[in-house]
C-alpha cells in the first residue's frame, strides 16, 4: 500500500489516558472532549454530588506508521485450519 494511501493514526490524550485512533475518529473525539470538564465526588452533603474542577486536558498527536508497535502476534493464538487438531504430538 502506498504511503499516501496508508491509514493515518493519531494519539488522543485525555487527561492521563492515551488512545490510538484513526485520524478522522481522533479529530471527532478531540472536538467532543474539548468541551468536557473534570469532576470529583463530593460526599459533604446527603448523597453523592459532583464537584466541577477544571477543563479536561486534551491533546492530539499524529503518528507515523513506524511509530506504532502492535502486540506480538504470539499473544493471540492462531485459529487452527478446519479439520486440524488443536494439539498435535
N, C-alpha and C. Protein backbone atom coordinates (compact mmCIF):
# COMPACT_ATOMS: atom_id res chain seq x y z
N UNK A 1 0.85 -1.17 0.00
CA UNK A 1 0.00 0.00 0.00
C UNK A 1 0.89 1.23 0.00
N UNK A 2 0.61 2.18 -0.84
CA UNK A 2 1.41 3.39 -0.93
C UNK A 2 1.30 4.20 0.35
N UNK A 3 2.38 4.92 0.65
CA UNK A 3 2.39 5.70 1.89
C UNK A 3 1.28 6.74 1.91
N UNK A 4 0.94 7.31 0.75
CA UNK A 4 -0.11 8.33 0.71
C UNK A 4 -1.49 7.72 0.95
N UNK A 5 -1.63 6.40 0.70
CA UNK A 5 -2.91 5.74 0.89
C UNK A 5 -3.01 5.04 2.24
N UNK A 6 -1.91 5.02 2.99
CA UNK A 6 -1.92 4.35 4.29
C UNK A 6 -2.85 5.10 5.24
N UNK A 7 -3.54 4.34 6.07
CA UNK A 7 -4.45 4.94 7.04
C UNK A 7 -3.64 5.72 8.07
N UNK A 8 -4.02 6.96 8.31
CA UNK A 8 -3.32 7.79 9.28
C UNK A 8 -3.93 7.60 10.66
N UNK A 9 -3.06 7.54 11.67
CA UNK A 9 -3.50 7.37 13.05
C UNK A 9 -3.03 8.54 13.89
N UNK A 10 -3.75 8.76 14.97
CA UNK A 10 -3.41 9.80 15.93
C UNK A 10 -3.48 9.22 17.34
N UNK A 11 -2.74 9.84 18.22
CA UNK A 11 -2.85 9.55 19.65
C UNK A 11 -3.63 10.70 20.25
N UNK A 12 -4.75 10.38 20.89
CA UNK A 12 -5.53 11.39 21.61
C UNK A 12 -5.25 11.19 23.09
N UNK A 13 -4.81 12.25 23.74
CA UNK A 13 -4.54 12.20 25.17
C UNK A 13 -5.66 12.91 25.90
N UNK A 14 -6.35 12.16 26.77
CA UNK A 14 -7.43 12.70 27.59
C UNK A 14 -6.98 12.59 29.04
N UNK A 15 -6.58 13.68 29.63
CA UNK A 15 -6.03 13.60 30.98
C UNK A 15 -4.76 12.78 30.95
N UNK A 16 -4.78 11.61 31.60
CA UNK A 16 -3.60 10.74 31.63
C UNK A 16 -3.74 9.52 30.72
N UNK A 17 -4.83 9.40 30.00
CA UNK A 17 -5.04 8.26 29.10
C UNK A 17 -4.65 8.63 27.68
N UNK A 18 -3.98 7.71 26.99
CA UNK A 18 -3.61 7.90 25.59
C UNK A 18 -4.32 6.83 24.76
N UNK A 19 -4.99 7.27 23.70
CA UNK A 19 -5.77 6.36 22.86
C UNK A 19 -5.30 6.46 21.42
N UNK A 20 -5.10 5.32 20.76
CA UNK A 20 -4.75 5.28 19.35
C UNK A 20 -6.02 5.15 18.55
N UNK A 21 -6.24 6.09 17.62
CA UNK A 21 -7.45 6.09 16.81
C UNK A 21 -7.11 6.49 15.38
N UNK A 22 -7.92 6.04 14.41
CA UNK A 22 -7.78 6.58 13.06
C UNK A 22 -7.99 8.09 13.11
N UNK A 23 -7.32 8.82 12.23
CA UNK A 23 -7.31 10.28 12.28
C UNK A 23 -8.70 10.90 12.33
N UNK A 24 -9.63 10.43 11.51
CA UNK A 24 -10.98 11.03 11.47
C UNK A 24 -11.68 10.89 12.82
N UNK A 25 -11.60 9.71 13.44
CA UNK A 25 -12.24 9.50 14.74
C UNK A 25 -11.52 10.27 15.83
N UNK A 26 -10.20 10.39 15.72
CA UNK A 26 -9.43 11.14 16.72
C UNK A 26 -9.85 12.60 16.73
N UNK A 27 -10.06 13.18 15.56
CA UNK A 27 -10.46 14.58 15.49
C UNK A 27 -11.87 14.77 16.03
N UNK A 28 -12.76 13.80 15.79
CA UNK A 28 -14.12 13.89 16.35
C UNK A 28 -14.07 13.82 17.88
N UNK A 29 -13.27 12.88 18.40
CA UNK A 29 -13.15 12.75 19.85
C UNK A 29 -12.55 14.01 20.46
N UNK A 30 -11.55 14.55 19.79
CA UNK A 30 -10.92 15.79 20.27
C UNK A 30 -11.95 16.92 20.34
N UNK A 31 -12.79 17.01 19.32
CA UNK A 31 -13.81 18.06 19.29
C UNK A 31 -14.80 17.89 20.45
N UNK A 32 -15.25 16.67 20.69
CA UNK A 32 -16.18 16.41 21.79
C UNK A 32 -15.54 16.64 23.16
N UNK A 33 -14.35 16.09 23.34
CA UNK A 33 -13.70 16.15 24.65
C UNK A 33 -13.23 17.55 25.01
N UNK A 34 -13.03 18.40 24.02
CA UNK A 34 -12.54 19.75 24.31
C UNK A 34 -13.56 20.58 25.09
N UNK A 35 -14.81 20.14 25.14
CA UNK A 35 -15.83 20.86 25.91
C UNK A 35 -16.09 20.21 27.27
N UNK A 36 -15.40 19.11 27.57
CA UNK A 36 -15.63 18.38 28.82
C UNK A 36 -14.92 19.03 30.00
N UNK A 37 -15.48 18.83 31.16
CA UNK A 37 -14.89 19.31 32.41
C UNK A 37 -14.60 18.10 33.30
N UNK A 38 -13.52 18.15 34.04
CA UNK A 38 -13.25 17.08 35.01
C UNK A 38 -14.10 17.32 36.25
N UNK A 39 -14.49 16.23 36.89
CA UNK A 39 -15.30 16.32 38.11
C UNK A 39 -14.72 15.38 39.16
N UNK A 40 -15.08 15.64 40.40
CA UNK A 40 -14.70 14.77 41.50
C UNK A 40 -15.93 14.55 42.36
N UNK A 41 -15.94 13.45 43.11
CA UNK A 41 -17.05 13.17 44.02
C UNK A 41 -17.02 14.15 45.18
N UNK A 42 -18.19 14.54 45.62
CA UNK A 42 -18.33 15.41 46.79
C UNK A 42 -19.28 14.73 47.75
N UNK A 43 -18.74 14.22 48.87
CA UNK A 43 -19.53 13.48 49.85
C UNK A 43 -19.94 14.36 51.03
N UNK A 44 -19.78 15.67 50.92
CA UNK A 44 -20.01 16.54 52.08
C UNK A 44 -21.47 16.66 52.49
N UNK A 45 -22.40 16.39 51.60
CA UNK A 45 -23.82 16.51 51.94
C UNK A 45 -24.50 15.16 51.90
N UNK A 46 -25.80 15.20 51.74
CA UNK A 46 -26.58 13.96 51.59
C UNK A 46 -26.42 13.45 50.17
N UNK A 47 -26.03 12.22 50.03
CA UNK A 47 -25.88 11.63 48.70
C UNK A 47 -24.59 12.09 48.03
N UNK A 48 -24.38 11.59 46.86
CA UNK A 48 -23.18 11.93 46.10
C UNK A 48 -23.48 13.12 45.21
N UNK A 49 -22.58 14.08 45.25
CA UNK A 49 -22.65 15.21 44.33
C UNK A 49 -21.35 15.24 43.56
N UNK A 50 -21.33 15.96 42.47
CA UNK A 50 -20.13 16.04 41.64
C UNK A 50 -19.64 17.48 41.61
N UNK A 51 -18.39 17.66 41.99
CA UNK A 51 -17.78 18.99 42.02
C UNK A 51 -16.98 19.19 40.74
N UNK A 52 -17.35 20.20 39.96
CA UNK A 52 -16.64 20.51 38.72
C UNK A 52 -15.30 21.12 39.08
N UNK A 53 -14.24 20.62 38.45
CA UNK A 53 -12.90 21.09 38.80
C UNK A 53 -12.27 21.95 37.72
N UNK A 54 -12.03 21.40 36.55
CA UNK A 54 -11.31 22.14 35.51
C UNK A 54 -11.61 21.54 34.15
N UNK A 55 -11.28 22.26 33.09
CA UNK A 55 -11.44 21.67 31.75
C UNK A 55 -10.53 20.44 31.62
N UNK A 56 -11.00 19.45 30.88
CA UNK A 56 -10.22 18.25 30.62
C UNK A 56 -9.03 18.60 29.73
N UNK A 57 -7.86 18.09 30.08
CA UNK A 57 -6.69 18.31 29.23
C UNK A 57 -6.78 17.36 28.05
N UNK A 58 -6.83 17.92 26.85
CA UNK A 58 -7.00 17.14 25.63
C UNK A 58 -5.88 17.52 24.66
N UNK A 59 -5.29 16.49 24.05
CA UNK A 59 -4.21 16.73 23.09
C UNK A 59 -4.30 15.69 21.99
N UNK A 60 -3.97 16.07 20.78
CA UNK A 60 -3.94 15.10 19.68
C UNK A 60 -2.58 15.19 19.00
N UNK A 61 -2.02 14.02 18.68
CA UNK A 61 -0.71 13.93 18.04
C UNK A 61 -0.81 12.95 16.87
N UNK A 62 -0.39 13.38 15.70
CA UNK A 62 -0.37 12.49 14.54
C UNK A 62 0.88 11.61 14.65
N UNK A 63 0.71 10.32 14.37
CA UNK A 63 1.84 9.39 14.44
C UNK A 63 2.09 8.75 13.09
N UNK A 64 3.36 8.46 12.84
CA UNK A 64 3.74 7.74 11.61
C UNK A 64 3.54 6.25 11.85
N UNK A 65 3.26 5.48 10.80
CA UNK A 65 3.05 4.03 10.97
C UNK A 65 4.21 3.34 11.68
N UNK A 66 5.44 3.78 11.44
CA UNK A 66 6.60 3.16 12.07
C UNK A 66 6.70 3.42 13.56
N UNK A 67 5.92 4.37 14.07
CA UNK A 67 5.95 4.69 15.50
C UNK A 67 5.02 3.79 16.31
N UNK A 68 4.15 3.05 15.64
CA UNK A 68 3.17 2.22 16.33
C UNK A 68 3.69 0.79 16.42
N UNK A 69 3.79 0.28 17.64
CA UNK A 69 4.24 -1.09 17.87
C UNK A 69 3.03 -1.88 18.36
N UNK A 70 2.61 -2.86 17.56
CA UNK A 70 1.46 -3.68 17.92
C UNK A 70 1.92 -4.82 18.82
N UNK A 71 1.00 -5.36 19.64
CA UNK A 71 1.37 -6.51 20.49
C UNK A 71 1.87 -7.67 19.62
N UNK A 72 2.73 -8.47 20.19
CA UNK A 72 3.32 -9.60 19.47
C UNK A 72 2.23 -10.55 18.99
N UNK A 73 2.42 -11.10 17.81
CA UNK A 73 1.43 -11.99 17.21
C UNK A 73 1.20 -13.23 18.06
N UNK A 74 2.23 -13.69 18.78
CA UNK A 74 2.06 -14.91 19.57
C UNK A 74 1.15 -14.72 20.77
N UNK A 75 0.79 -13.49 21.08
CA UNK A 75 -0.13 -13.27 22.19
C UNK A 75 -1.53 -13.78 21.87
N UNK A 76 -1.89 -13.80 20.60
CA UNK A 76 -3.20 -14.28 20.18
C UNK A 76 -2.99 -15.58 19.41
N UNK A 77 -3.50 -16.70 19.92
CA UNK A 77 -3.27 -17.96 19.23
C UNK A 77 -3.92 -17.98 17.86
N UNK A 78 -3.22 -18.57 16.92
CA UNK A 78 -3.76 -18.69 15.57
C UNK A 78 -4.91 -19.69 15.58
N UNK A 79 -5.90 -19.42 14.75
CA UNK A 79 -7.02 -20.36 14.64
C UNK A 79 -6.56 -21.57 13.84
N UNK A 80 -6.89 -22.76 14.31
CA UNK A 80 -6.49 -23.95 13.56
C UNK A 80 -7.25 -24.03 12.24
N UNK A 81 -6.58 -24.62 11.25
CA UNK A 81 -7.26 -24.83 9.98
C UNK A 81 -8.39 -25.82 10.19
N UNK A 82 -9.42 -25.71 9.40
CA UNK A 82 -10.58 -26.60 9.53
C UNK A 82 -10.12 -28.06 9.44
N UNK A 83 -10.53 -28.84 10.40
CA UNK A 83 -10.19 -30.26 10.42
C UNK A 83 -8.86 -30.57 11.09
N UNK A 84 -8.11 -29.55 11.46
CA UNK A 84 -6.82 -29.76 12.10
C UNK A 84 -7.01 -29.84 13.61
N UNK A 85 -6.31 -30.76 14.25
CA UNK A 85 -6.38 -30.89 15.69
C UNK A 85 -5.69 -29.70 16.35
N UNK A 86 -6.20 -29.31 17.51
CA UNK A 86 -5.59 -28.20 18.24
C UNK A 86 -4.20 -28.57 18.75
N UNK A 87 -4.07 -29.78 19.28
CA UNK A 87 -2.78 -30.23 19.80
C UNK A 87 -2.31 -31.42 18.99
N UNK A 88 -1.15 -31.30 18.41
CA UNK A 88 -0.58 -32.40 17.65
C UNK A 88 0.73 -32.79 18.30
N UNK A 89 0.96 -34.08 18.44
CA UNK A 89 2.22 -34.56 19.01
C UNK A 89 3.18 -34.94 17.94
